[in-house]
Amino acid sequence: MLAGVGDKWTLLTITALASGPLRFTAVHEQVVGISQRMLSQTLRALTRDGLVARTAYREVPPRVEYALTPLGRSLSEAVDELVRWVRGHQSDIVRNRNEFDQAPTANTANPPNA
């Protein structure tokens, strides 16, 4: 469950839908880099998990909207906290990566036994 909720496309899709219901094309425009196929799979999985509601309107042409459910909104709040944490610590992480990459043994160190 954690792998499905914590993947990149799921988090970005949840973030896109946090502002309100969107049509597929609008979600696709907001989730930069996602293919239509991957977005379709992601929305289907989120709908299956009860995080997103899919509403099809009987109109010509047909219209389908996706929106967060109450469960999806609670996930969105948690994602917002994660985003705030990343923004608040991004410079520290970049600095640590640079220091690690510049260390003479960075690429030759043996990883600890797991």
N, C-alpha and C. Protein backbone atom coordinates (compact mmCIF):
# COMPACT_ATOMS: atom_id res chain seq x y z
N MET A 1 0.83 -1.19 0.00
CA MET A 1 0.00 0.00 0.00
C MET A 1 0.87 1.25 0.00
N LEU A 2 1.91 1.26 0.82
CA LEU A 2 2.78 2.43 0.91
C LEU A 2 3.48 2.71 -0.41
N ALA A 3 3.88 1.66 -1.11
CA ALA A 3 4.54 1.85 -2.41
C ALA A 3 3.59 2.53 -3.40
N GLY A 4 2.34 2.14 -3.39
CA GLY A 4 1.37 2.73 -4.31
C GLY A 4 1.05 4.17 -3.99
N VAL A 5 0.93 4.48 -2.73
CA VAL A 5 0.59 5.85 -2.30
C VAL A 5 1.81 6.76 -2.37
N GLY A 6 2.99 6.19 -2.18
CA GLY A 6 4.18 7.00 -2.09
C GLY A 6 4.93 7.20 -3.39
N ASP A 7 4.42 6.68 -4.50
CA ASP A 7 5.17 6.86 -5.74
C ASP A 7 4.99 8.27 -6.30
N LYS A 8 5.92 8.64 -7.13
CA LYS A 8 5.99 10.00 -7.69
C LYS A 8 4.69 10.43 -8.35
N TRP A 9 4.16 9.60 -9.24
CA TRP A 9 2.97 10.01 -10.02
C TRP A 9 1.74 10.12 -9.13
N THR A 10 1.63 9.27 -8.16
CA THR A 10 0.49 9.35 -7.24
C THR A 10 0.53 10.65 -6.46
N LEU A 11 1.69 10.98 -5.92
CA LEU A 11 1.81 12.21 -5.13
C LEU A 11 1.54 13.45 -5.98
N LEU A 12 2.06 13.46 -7.20
CA LEU A 12 1.83 14.62 -8.07
C LEU A 12 0.37 14.71 -8.50
N THR A 13 -0.27 13.58 -8.73
CA THR A 13 -1.69 13.58 -9.12
C THR A 13 -2.56 14.05 -7.96
N ILE A 14 -2.27 13.57 -6.76
CA ILE A 14 -3.01 14.01 -5.57
C ILE A 14 -2.84 15.52 -5.39
N THR A 15 -1.64 16.02 -5.58
CA THR A 15 -1.37 17.45 -5.46
C THR A 15 -2.16 18.24 -6.49
N ALA A 16 -2.21 17.74 -7.71
CA ALA A 16 -2.95 18.44 -8.78
C ALA A 16 -4.45 18.51 -8.46
N LEU A 17 -4.99 17.45 -7.88
CA LEU A 17 -6.42 17.40 -7.59
C LEU A 17 -6.79 18.12 -6.30
N ALA A 18 -5.81 18.55 -5.53
CA ALA A 18 -6.09 19.22 -4.26
C ALA A 18 -6.86 20.52 -4.44
N SER A 19 -6.70 21.15 -5.60
CA SER A 19 -7.38 22.43 -5.82
C SER A 19 -8.84 22.27 -6.23
N GLY A 20 -9.27 21.05 -6.52
CA GLY A 20 -10.65 20.80 -6.89
C GLY A 20 -10.75 19.85 -8.07
N PRO A 21 -11.99 19.52 -8.46
CA PRO A 21 -12.21 18.56 -9.55
C PRO A 21 -11.57 19.04 -10.86
N LEU A 22 -11.01 18.09 -11.59
CA LEU A 22 -10.38 18.39 -12.88
C LEU A 22 -10.71 17.31 -13.89
N ARG A 23 -10.73 17.72 -15.14
CA ARG A 23 -10.85 16.76 -16.22
C ARG A 23 -9.48 16.14 -16.48
N PHE A 24 -9.48 15.02 -17.17
CA PHE A 24 -8.24 14.28 -17.44
C PHE A 24 -7.19 15.18 -18.06
N THR A 25 -7.56 15.95 -19.06
CA THR A 25 -6.60 16.81 -19.76
C THR A 25 -5.99 17.84 -18.82
N ALA A 26 -6.78 18.39 -17.93
CA ALA A 26 -6.27 19.38 -16.98
C ALA A 26 -5.29 18.74 -16.00
N VAL A 27 -5.60 17.53 -15.55
CA VAL A 27 -4.67 16.82 -14.66
C VAL A 27 -3.37 16.56 -15.41
N HIS A 28 -3.50 16.11 -16.66
CA HIS A 28 -2.32 15.80 -17.48
C HIS A 28 -1.43 17.03 -17.67
N GLU A 29 -2.03 18.19 -17.83
CA GLU A 29 -1.27 19.44 -18.00
C GLU A 29 -0.54 19.82 -16.71
N GLN A 30 -1.13 19.51 -15.56
CA GLN A 30 -0.53 19.89 -14.28
C GLN A 30 0.55 18.92 -13.80
N VAL A 31 0.44 17.66 -14.19
CA VAL A 31 1.42 16.66 -13.78
C VAL A 31 2.45 16.54 -14.90
N VAL A 32 3.43 17.39 -14.85
CA VAL A 32 4.43 17.51 -15.92
C VAL A 32 5.24 16.22 -16.03
N GLY A 33 5.33 15.72 -17.25
CA GLY A 33 6.16 14.57 -17.53
C GLY A 33 5.43 13.23 -17.52
N ILE A 34 4.21 13.20 -17.05
CA ILE A 34 3.48 11.94 -17.00
C ILE A 34 2.86 11.64 -18.37
N SER A 35 2.93 10.40 -18.79
CA SER A 35 2.29 10.01 -20.04
C SER A 35 0.79 9.84 -19.80
N GLN A 36 0.03 9.89 -20.87
CA GLN A 36 -1.42 9.70 -20.73
C GLN A 36 -1.72 8.31 -20.17
N ARG A 37 -0.96 7.33 -20.62
CA ARG A 37 -1.17 5.95 -20.14
C ARG A 37 -0.89 5.85 -18.64
N MET A 38 0.21 6.44 -18.19
CA MET A 38 0.55 6.39 -16.77
C MET A 38 -0.47 7.16 -15.93
N LEU A 39 -0.93 8.30 -16.44
CA LEU A 39 -1.95 9.06 -15.71
C LEU A 39 -3.23 8.25 -15.60
N SER A 40 -3.61 7.61 -16.68
CA SER A 40 -4.81 6.77 -16.67
C SER A 40 -4.68 5.66 -15.63
N GLN A 41 -3.54 5.00 -15.59
CA GLN A 41 -3.30 3.93 -14.61
C GLN A 41 -3.32 4.48 -13.19
N THR A 42 -2.71 5.65 -13.00
CA THR A 42 -2.64 6.26 -11.68
C THR A 42 -4.03 6.65 -11.19
N LEU A 43 -4.82 7.29 -12.05
CA LEU A 43 -6.18 7.68 -11.67
C LEU A 43 -7.04 6.46 -11.38
N ARG A 44 -6.86 5.42 -12.16
CA ARG A 44 -7.63 4.18 -11.93
C ARG A 44 -7.27 3.57 -10.58
N ALA A 45 -5.98 3.52 -10.25
CA ALA A 45 -5.54 2.97 -8.96
C ALA A 45 -6.05 3.83 -7.80
N LEU A 46 -5.99 5.14 -7.95
CA LEU A 46 -6.47 6.04 -6.90
C LEU A 46 -7.98 5.90 -6.71
N THR A 47 -8.70 5.70 -7.80
CA THR A 47 -10.14 5.49 -7.73
C THR A 47 -10.43 4.16 -7.03
N ARG A 48 -9.69 3.14 -7.40
CA ARG A 48 -9.86 1.81 -6.79
C ARG A 48 -9.62 1.86 -5.29
N ASP A 49 -8.63 2.66 -4.85
CA ASP A 49 -8.30 2.77 -3.43
C ASP A 49 -9.24 3.70 -2.67
N GLY A 50 -10.15 4.37 -3.40
CA GLY A 50 -11.10 5.26 -2.75
C GLY A 50 -10.55 6.64 -2.45
N LEU A 51 -9.43 7.00 -3.08
CA LEU A 51 -8.83 8.31 -2.86
C LEU A 51 -9.34 9.35 -3.85
N VAL A 52 -9.80 8.89 -5.01
CA VAL A 52 -10.30 9.76 -6.07
C VAL A 52 -11.67 9.26 -6.51
N ALA A 53 -12.56 10.20 -6.77
CA ALA A 53 -13.87 9.88 -7.32
C ALA A 53 -13.89 10.28 -8.79
N ARG A 54 -14.39 9.39 -9.62
CA ARG A 54 -14.52 9.65 -11.06
C ARG A 54 -16.01 9.87 -11.34
N THR A 55 -16.33 11.03 -11.90
CA THR A 55 -17.71 11.36 -12.21
C THR A 55 -17.85 11.56 -13.71
N ALA A 56 -18.70 10.74 -14.33
CA ALA A 56 -18.97 10.86 -15.77
C ALA A 56 -20.32 11.55 -15.94
N TYR A 57 -20.32 12.63 -16.70
CA TYR A 57 -21.54 13.39 -16.94
C TYR A 57 -22.11 12.99 -18.29
N ARG A 58 -23.42 12.82 -18.32
CA ARG A 58 -24.09 12.45 -19.57
C ARG A 58 -24.35 13.72 -20.37
N GLU A 59 -23.32 14.11 -21.11
CA GLU A 59 -23.39 15.29 -21.95
C GLU A 59 -22.82 14.96 -23.31
N VAL A 60 -23.05 15.82 -24.25
CA VAL A 60 -22.44 15.68 -25.57
C VAL A 60 -21.58 16.91 -25.79
N PRO A 61 -20.27 16.77 -25.91
CA PRO A 61 -19.51 15.51 -25.76
C PRO A 61 -19.44 15.10 -24.29
N PRO A 62 -19.16 13.81 -24.05
CA PRO A 62 -19.09 13.33 -22.67
C PRO A 62 -18.02 14.06 -21.87
N ARG A 63 -18.28 14.24 -20.58
CA ARG A 63 -17.34 14.92 -19.71
C ARG A 63 -17.10 14.04 -18.48
N VAL A 64 -15.84 13.87 -18.13
CA VAL A 64 -15.46 13.10 -16.94
C VAL A 64 -14.58 13.98 -16.08
N GLU A 65 -14.87 14.01 -14.79
CA GLU A 65 -14.06 14.76 -13.85
C GLU A 65 -13.54 13.84 -12.75
N TYR A 66 -12.38 14.21 -12.24
CA TYR A 66 -11.76 13.49 -11.14
C TYR A 66 -11.64 14.45 -9.97
N ALA A 67 -11.94 13.95 -8.77
CA ALA A 67 -11.87 14.78 -7.57
C ALA A 67 -11.42 13.92 -6.39
N LEU A 68 -10.76 14.55 -5.44
CA LEU A 68 -10.37 13.84 -4.24
C LEU A 68 -11.60 13.52 -3.40
N THR A 69 -11.61 12.34 -2.83
CA THR A 69 -12.63 11.96 -1.86
C THR A 69 -12.16 12.48 -0.49
N PRO A 70 -12.99 12.36 0.53
CA PRO A 70 -12.51 12.75 1.87
C PRO A 70 -11.23 12.01 2.27
N LEU A 71 -11.13 10.74 1.92
CA LEU A 71 -9.92 9.98 2.20
C LEU A 71 -8.73 10.55 1.41
N GLY A 72 -8.98 10.91 0.16
CA GLY A 72 -7.94 11.52 -0.67
C GLY A 72 -7.51 12.88 -0.14
N ARG A 73 -8.46 13.64 0.40
CA ARG A 73 -8.12 14.94 0.98
C ARG A 73 -7.22 14.77 2.20
N SER A 74 -7.48 13.74 2.99
CA SER A 74 -6.62 13.52 4.16
C SER A 74 -5.20 13.15 3.70
N LEU A 75 -5.08 12.39 2.61
CA LEU A 75 -3.75 12.11 2.06
C LEU A 75 -3.12 13.39 1.53
N SER A 76 -3.91 14.23 0.89
CA SER A 76 -3.40 15.49 0.36
C SER A 76 -2.81 16.36 1.47
N GLU A 77 -3.44 16.37 2.63
CA GLU A 77 -2.92 17.14 3.77
C GLU A 77 -1.57 16.59 4.20
N ALA A 78 -1.42 15.27 4.22
CA ALA A 78 -0.15 14.66 4.58
C ALA A 78 0.92 14.98 3.54
N VAL A 79 0.54 14.96 2.27
CA VAL A 79 1.48 15.29 1.19
C VAL A 79 1.92 16.74 1.32
N ASP A 80 1.00 17.63 1.67
CA ASP A 80 1.35 19.04 1.87
C ASP A 80 2.42 19.19 2.95
N GLU A 81 2.29 18.42 4.01
CA GLU A 81 3.29 18.46 5.09
C GLU A 81 4.65 17.98 4.57
N LEU A 82 4.64 16.93 3.77
CA LEU A 82 5.88 16.42 3.19
C LEU A 82 6.52 17.47 2.29
N VAL A 83 5.72 18.12 1.46
CA VAL A 83 6.23 19.16 0.56
C VAL A 83 6.83 20.30 1.37
N ARG A 84 6.16 20.71 2.44
CA ARG A 84 6.69 21.78 3.30
C ARG A 84 8.03 21.37 3.91
N TRP A 85 8.13 20.11 4.33
CA TRP A 85 9.38 19.63 4.90
C TRP A 85 10.50 19.68 3.87
N VAL A 86 10.21 19.20 2.67
CA VAL A 86 11.23 19.19 1.61
C VAL A 86 11.67 20.62 1.30
N ARG A 87 10.72 21.53 1.15
CA ARG A 87 11.08 22.93 0.87
C ARG A 87 11.92 23.52 1.98
N GLY A 88 11.59 23.20 3.22
CA GLY A 88 12.33 23.74 4.36
C GLY A 88 13.73 23.17 4.52
N HIS A 89 13.96 21.98 3.96
CA HIS A 89 15.25 21.31 4.14
C HIS A 89 16.00 21.08 2.83
N GLN A 90 15.48 21.60 1.75
CA GLN A 90 16.08 21.36 0.44
C GLN A 90 17.53 21.83 0.37
N SER A 91 17.81 23.01 0.89
CA SER A 91 19.19 23.52 0.82
C SER A 91 20.13 22.65 1.65
N ASP A 92 19.66 22.14 2.79
CA ASP A 92 20.49 21.24 3.60
C ASP A 92 20.80 19.96 2.85
N ILE A 93 19.80 19.42 2.19
CA ILE A 93 19.98 18.17 1.44
C ILE A 93 20.95 18.38 0.29
N VAL A 94 20.80 19.47 -0.44
CA VAL A 94 21.71 19.76 -1.56
C VAL A 94 23.13 19.93 -1.04
N ARG A 95 23.31 20.66 0.06
CA ARG A 95 24.63 20.85 0.65
C ARG A 95 25.23 19.50 1.06
N ASN A 96 24.45 18.66 1.71
CA ASN A 96 24.93 17.35 2.14
C ASN A 96 25.32 16.48 0.94
N ARG A 97 24.53 16.51 -0.10
CA ARG A 97 24.86 15.74 -1.30
C ARG A 97 26.17 16.22 -1.92
N ASN A 98 26.32 17.54 -2.00
CA ASN A 98 27.55 18.09 -2.57
C ASN A 98 28.77 17.70 -1.74
N GLU A 99 28.65 17.78 -0.41
CA GLU A 99 29.75 17.40 0.45
C GLU A 99 30.08 15.91 0.29
N PHE A 100 29.07 15.09 0.22
CA PHE A 100 29.27 13.65 0.05
C PHE A 100 29.94 13.34 -1.28
N ASP A 101 29.42 13.97 -2.36
CA ASP A 101 29.95 13.71 -3.70
C ASP A 101 31.39 14.19 -3.86
N GLN A 102 31.79 15.21 -3.09
CA GLN A 102 33.14 15.74 -3.19
C GLN A 102 34.14 15.02 -2.29
N ALA A 103 33.66 14.21 -1.38
CA ALA A 103 34.56 13.48 -0.48
C ALA A 103 35.35 12.45 -1.30
N PRO A 104 36.64 12.27 -0.99
CA PRO A 104 37.47 11.37 -1.80
C PRO A 104 36.98 9.93 -1.80
N THR A 105 36.31 9.49 -0.77
CA THR A 105 35.87 8.10 -0.71
C THR A 105 34.39 7.92 -1.02
N ALA A 106 33.76 8.95 -1.55
CA ALA A 106 32.31 8.90 -1.77
C ALA A 106 31.90 7.75 -2.66
N ASN A 107 32.64 7.51 -3.71
CA ASN A 107 32.24 6.47 -4.66
C ASN A 107 32.91 5.13 -4.41
N THR A 108 33.82 5.06 -3.45
CA THR A 108 34.53 3.81 -3.22
C THR A 108 34.19 3.19 -1.88
N ALA A 109 33.42 3.86 -1.07
CA ALA A 109 33.07 3.32 0.25
C ALA A 109 32.20 2.08 0.10
N ASN A 110 32.42 1.12 0.97
CA ASN A 110 31.58 -0.08 0.99
C ASN A 110 30.33 0.21 1.78
N PRO A 111 29.16 -0.19 1.26
CA PRO A 111 27.94 0.04 2.02
C PRO A 111 27.91 -0.87 3.24
N PRO A 112 27.27 -0.41 4.33
CA PRO A 112 27.19 -1.26 5.52
C PRO A 112 26.37 -2.50 5.23
N ASN A 113 26.65 -3.57 5.94
CA ASN A 113 25.88 -4.80 5.77
C ASN A 113 24.48 -4.58 6.27
N ALA A 114 23.51 -5.07 5.49
CA ALA A 114 22.11 -4.88 5.87
C ALA A 114 21.60 -6.03 6.70
